[in-house]
C-alpha atoms as a PDB file:
ATOM      1  CA  MET A   1    -183.496 -68.561 203.937  1.00  0.00           C
ATOM      2  CA  ALA A   2    -184.036 -66.916 200.518  1.00  0.00           C
ATOM      3  CA  ASP A   3    -181.242 -65.958 198.196  1.00  0.00           C
ATOM      4  CA  GLU A   4    -182.903 -62.589 197.509  1.00  0.00           C
ATOM      5  CA  ILE A   5    -184.525 -59.928 199.529  1.00  0.00           C
ATOM      6  CA  ASP A   6    -188.288 -59.874 198.967  1.00  0.00           C
ATOM      7  CA  TYR A   7    -189.553 -56.355 198.303  1.00  0.00           C
ATOM      8  CA  GLU A   8    -192.556 -54.464 196.994  1.00  0.00           C
ATOM      9  CA  ILE A   9    -192.510 -50.916 195.617  1.00  0.00           C
ATOM     10  CA  ILE A  10    -195.635 -49.071 196.661  1.00  0.00           C
ATOM     11  CA  GLY A  11    -197.209 -45.632 195.882  1.00  0.00           C
ATOM     12  CA  GLU A  12    -197.783 -43.547 192.837  1.00  0.00           C
ATOM     13  CA  ASP A  13    -196.082 -40.192 193.255  1.00  0.00           C
ATOM     14  CA  PHE A  14    -194.251 -40.776 196.505  1.00  0.00           C
ATOM     15  CA  HIS A  15    -192.790 -44.319 196.245  1.00  0.00           C
ATOM     16  CA  ALA A  16    -191.729 -46.429 199.163  1.00  0.00           C
ATOM     17  CA  VAL A  17    -190.068 -49.847 199.407  1.00  0.00           C
ATOM     18  CA  VAL A  18    -191.437 -52.454 201.760  1.00  0.00           C
ATOM     19  CA  ILE A  19    -188.805 -55.209 202.438  1.00  0.00           C
ATOM     20  CA  THR A  20    -189.712 -58.550 203.884  1.00  0.00           C
ATOM     21  CA  LEU A  21    -186.710 -59.934 205.850  1.00  0.00           C
ATOM     22  CA  ASP A  22    -186.344 -63.633 206.631  1.00  0.00           C
ATOM     23  CA  PRO A  23    -185.109 -64.494 210.105  1.00  0.00           C
ATOM     24  CA  GLY A  24    -181.373 -63.323 210.463  1.00  0.00           C
ATOM     25  CA  GLU A  25    -181.579 -61.214 207.255  1.00  0.00           C
ATOM     26  CA  ALA A  26    -180.599 -57.594 207.363  1.00  0.00           C
ATOM     27  CA  VAL A  27    -180.707 -54.498 205.252  1.00  0.00           C
ATOM     28  CA  GLN A  28    -178.697 -51.203 205.602  1.00  0.00           C
ATOM     29  CA  ALA A  29    -180.116 -47.755 204.816  1.00  0.00           C
ATOM     30  CA  GLU A  30    -179.166 -44.177 205.431  1.00  0.00           C
ATOM     31  CA  PRO A  31    -180.702 -42.505 208.525  1.00  0.00           C
ATOM     32  CA  GLY A  32    -184.012 -40.788 207.959  1.00  0.00           C
ATOM     33  CA  ALA A  33    -185.235 -43.267 205.286  1.00  0.00           C
ATOM     34  CA  LEU A  34    -187.240 -45.406 207.676  1.00  0.00           C
ATOM     35  CA  MET A  35    -191.019 -45.437 207.185  1.00  0.00           C
ATOM     36  CA  PHE A  36    -191.946 -48.229 209.507  1.00  0.00           C
ATOM     37  CA  MET A  37    -190.636 -51.533 210.963  1.00  0.00           C
ATOM     38  CA  GLU A  38    -192.386 -54.505 212.563  1.00  0.00           C
ATOM     39  CA  ASP A  39    -191.648 -56.073 215.951  1.00  0.00           C
ATOM     40  CA  GLU A  40    -188.441 -58.112 216.203  1.00  0.00           C
ATOM     41  CA  ILE A  41    -186.569 -55.886 213.748  1.00  0.00           C
ATOM     42  CA  ASP A  42    -183.427 -54.658 215.468  1.00  0.00           C
ATOM     43  CA  MET A  43    -182.245 -51.175 214.399  1.00  0.00           C
ATOM     44  CA  GLY A  44    -178.581 -50.068 214.885  1.00  0.00           C
ATOM     45  CA  THR A  45    -176.647 -47.085 213.734  1.00  0.00           C
ATOM     46  CA  SER A  46    -172.916 -47.076 212.975  1.00  0.00           C
ATOM     47  CA  THR A  47    -170.314 -45.629 210.692  1.00  0.00           C
ATOM     48  CA  GLY A  48    -170.593 -48.716 208.565  1.00  0.00           C
ATOM     49  CA  GLY A  49    -167.015 -49.728 208.678  1.00  0.00           C
ATOM     50  CA  GLY A  50    -165.269 -47.417 211.062  1.00  0.00           C
ATOM     51  CA  LEU A  51    -164.413 -43.649 211.179  1.00  0.00           C
ATOM     52  CA  LEU A  52    -162.667 -43.686 207.799  1.00  0.00           C
ATOM     53  CA  SER A  53    -165.719 -45.205 206.041  1.00  0.00           C
ATOM     54  CA  GLY A  54    -168.000 -42.583 207.582  1.00  0.00           C
ATOM     55  CA  LEU A  55    -165.601 -39.757 206.510  1.00  0.00           C
ATOM     56  CA  LYS A  56    -165.478 -41.099 202.929  1.00  0.00           C
ATOM     57  CA  ARG A  57    -169.264 -41.048 202.735  1.00  0.00           C
ATOM     58  CA  LYS A  58    -169.347 -37.545 204.116  1.00  0.00           C
ATOM     59  CA  ILE A  59    -166.811 -36.286 201.695  1.00  0.00           C
ATOM     60  CA  ALA A  60    -168.792 -37.866 198.893  1.00  0.00           C
ATOM     61  CA  GLY A  61    -171.834 -35.939 199.928  1.00  0.00           C
ATOM     62  CA  GLU A  62    -173.618 -38.738 201.785  1.00  0.00           C
ATOM     63  CA  ARG A  63    -174.430 -39.110 205.438  1.00  0.00           C
ATOM     64  CA  PHE A  64    -171.770 -40.046 207.888  1.00  0.00           C
ATOM     65  CA  PHE A  65    -173.811 -42.766 209.654  1.00  0.00           C
ATOM     66  CA  VAL A  66    -175.721 -45.703 208.263  1.00  0.00           C
ATOM     67  CA  THR A  67    -178.564 -47.665 209.894  1.00  0.00           C
ATOM     68  CA  ARG A  68    -178.806 -51.508 209.898  1.00  0.00           C
ATOM     69  CA  PHE A  69    -182.187 -53.231 210.348  1.00  0.00           C
ATOM     70  CA  GLU A  70    -182.030 -56.984 211.126  1.00  0.00           C
ATOM     71  CA  ASN A  71    -184.756 -59.468 211.668  1.00  0.00           C
ATOM     72  CA  GLU A  72    -184.042 -61.059 215.018  1.00  0.00           C
ATOM     73  CA  GLY A  73    -187.310 -62.991 215.124  1.00  0.00           C
ATOM     74  CA  SER A  74    -188.216 -66.535 214.000  1.00  0.00           C
ATOM     75  CA  THR A  75    -190.689 -65.418 211.356  1.00  0.00           C
ATOM     76  CA  ARG A  76    -190.585 -63.110 208.350  1.00  0.00           C
ATOM     77  CA  ARG A  77    -190.946 -59.361 209.240  1.00  0.00           C
ATOM     78  CA  GLN A  78    -191.275 -56.138 207.217  1.00  0.00           C
ATOM     79  CA  VAL A  79    -189.370 -52.865 207.279  1.00  0.00           C
ATOM     80  CA  ALA A  80    -190.202 -49.979 204.902  1.00  0.00           C
ATOM     81  CA  PHE A  81    -188.185 -47.057 203.560  1.00  0.00           C
ATOM     82  CA  ALA A  82    -189.139 -43.860 201.677  1.00  0.00           C
ATOM     83  CA  SER A  83    -187.397 -40.764 200.478  1.00  0.00           C
ATOM     84  CA  GLU A  84    -188.079 -37.226 201.677  1.00  0.00           C
ATOM     85  CA  HIS A  85    -188.619 -36.219 198.096  1.00  0.00           C
ATOM     86  CA  PRO A  86    -191.133 -37.437 195.459  1.00  0.00           C
ATOM     87  CA  GLY A  87    -189.682 -39.571 192.716  1.00  0.00           C
ATOM     88  CA  ASN A  88    -189.599 -43.022 191.213  1.00  0.00           C
ATOM     89  CA  VAL A  89    -188.115 -46.165 192.673  1.00  0.00           C
ATOM     90  CA  ARG A  90    -186.622 -48.711 190.452  1.00  0.00           C
ATOM     91  CA  ALA A  91    -185.031 -52.105 191.332  1.00  0.00           C
ATOM     92  CA  LEU A  92    -181.657 -52.876 189.922  1.00  0.00           C
ATOM     93  CA  ALA A  93    -180.663 -56.498 189.436  1.00  0.00           C
ATOM     94  CA  LEU A  94    -176.949 -56.721 190.097  1.00  0.00           C
ATOM     95  CA  ALA A  95    -175.202 -59.317 187.977  1.00  0.00           C
ATOM     96  CA  GLN A  96    -172.266 -59.911 190.446  1.00  0.00           C
ATOM     97  CA  ARG A  97    -171.520 -59.390 194.081  1.00  0.00           C
ATOM     98  CA  GLY A  98    -169.814 -56.125 194.913  1.00  0.00           C
ATOM     99  CA  ARG A  99    -170.946 -54.288 191.794  1.00  0.00           C
ATOM    100  CA  ALA A 100    -172.163 -50.773 192.382  1.00  0.00           C
ATOM    101  CA  GLU A 101    -174.640 -48.640 190.606  1.00  0.00           C
ATOM    102  CA  ALA A 102    -174.529 -44.820 190.785  1.00  0.00           C
ATOM    103  CA  VAL A 103    -178.148 -43.694 190.411  1.00  0.00           C
ATOM    104  CA  GLY A 104    -178.291 -40.603 192.528  1.00  0.00           C
ATOM    105  CA  ARG A 105    -177.949 -39.329 196.123  1.00  0.00           C
ATOM    106  CA  ARG A 106    -179.434 -40.627 199.259  1.00  0.00           C
ATOM    107  CA  PRO A 107    -181.176 -42.606 200.612  1.00  0.00           C
ATOM    108  CA  ARG A 108    -179.905 -45.984 199.494  1.00  0.00           C
ATOM    109  CA  ILE A 109    -180.992 -49.384 200.749  1.00  0.00           C
ATOM    110  CA  ARG A 110    -178.323 -51.958 200.855  1.00  0.00           C
ATOM    111  CA  PRO A 111    -178.735 -55.635 201.699  1.00  0.00           C
ATOM    112  CA  ARG A 112    -176.136 -56.931 204.167  1.00  0.00           C
ATOM    113  CA  GLY A 113    -174.730 -60.513 204.271  1.00  0.00           C
ATOM    114  CA  ARG A 114    -175.413 -62.758 201.273  1.00  0.00           C
ATOM    115  CA  PRO A 115    -175.572 -61.238 197.799  1.00  0.00           C
ATOM    116  CA  HIS A 116    -179.023 -59.829 197.129  1.00  0.00           C
ATOM    117  CA  ARG A 117    -180.983 -57.571 194.896  1.00  0.00           C
ATOM    118  CA  ARG A 118    -180.769 -53.913 195.892  1.00  0.00           C
ATOM    119  CA  ALA A 119    -183.664 -51.440 195.727  1.00  0.00           C
ATOM    120  CA  ASP A 120    -182.819 -47.757 195.722  1.00  0.00           C
ATOM    121  CA  PRO A 121    -185.427 -45.255 196.807  1.00  0.00           C
ATOM    122  CA  PRO A 122    -185.963 -42.120 194.699  1.00  0.00           C
ATOM    123  CA  ALA A 123    -182.830 -40.114 193.798  1.00  0.00           C
ATOM    124  CA  ARG A 124    -182.722 -36.454 194.836  1.00  0.00           C
END
């Protein structure tokens, strides 16, 4: 498996992020950000850490639930995300695990599992 999530930013005025997941790799995004997903991608919705985590996000102005997309197949698969608003997408290389970048409000795409690069769709 790769150490980073492979992604491509597509579009001119209305950007989207197409992420290629290795087998067993997963990414987390806010509900409503999904543009498409290929076969063998499992989608699940949760509070992302329990009731308290969901409430913290809601108080902060984010959505209560988060959605996880995991490649359960044996080959690489793609999942794509877009914002409901036009804007630019920029990839941020995070120097260390656990570091957060505040770039705007939803939706955010977060890799799950190993440390990865994070791509954030357009801020509102």
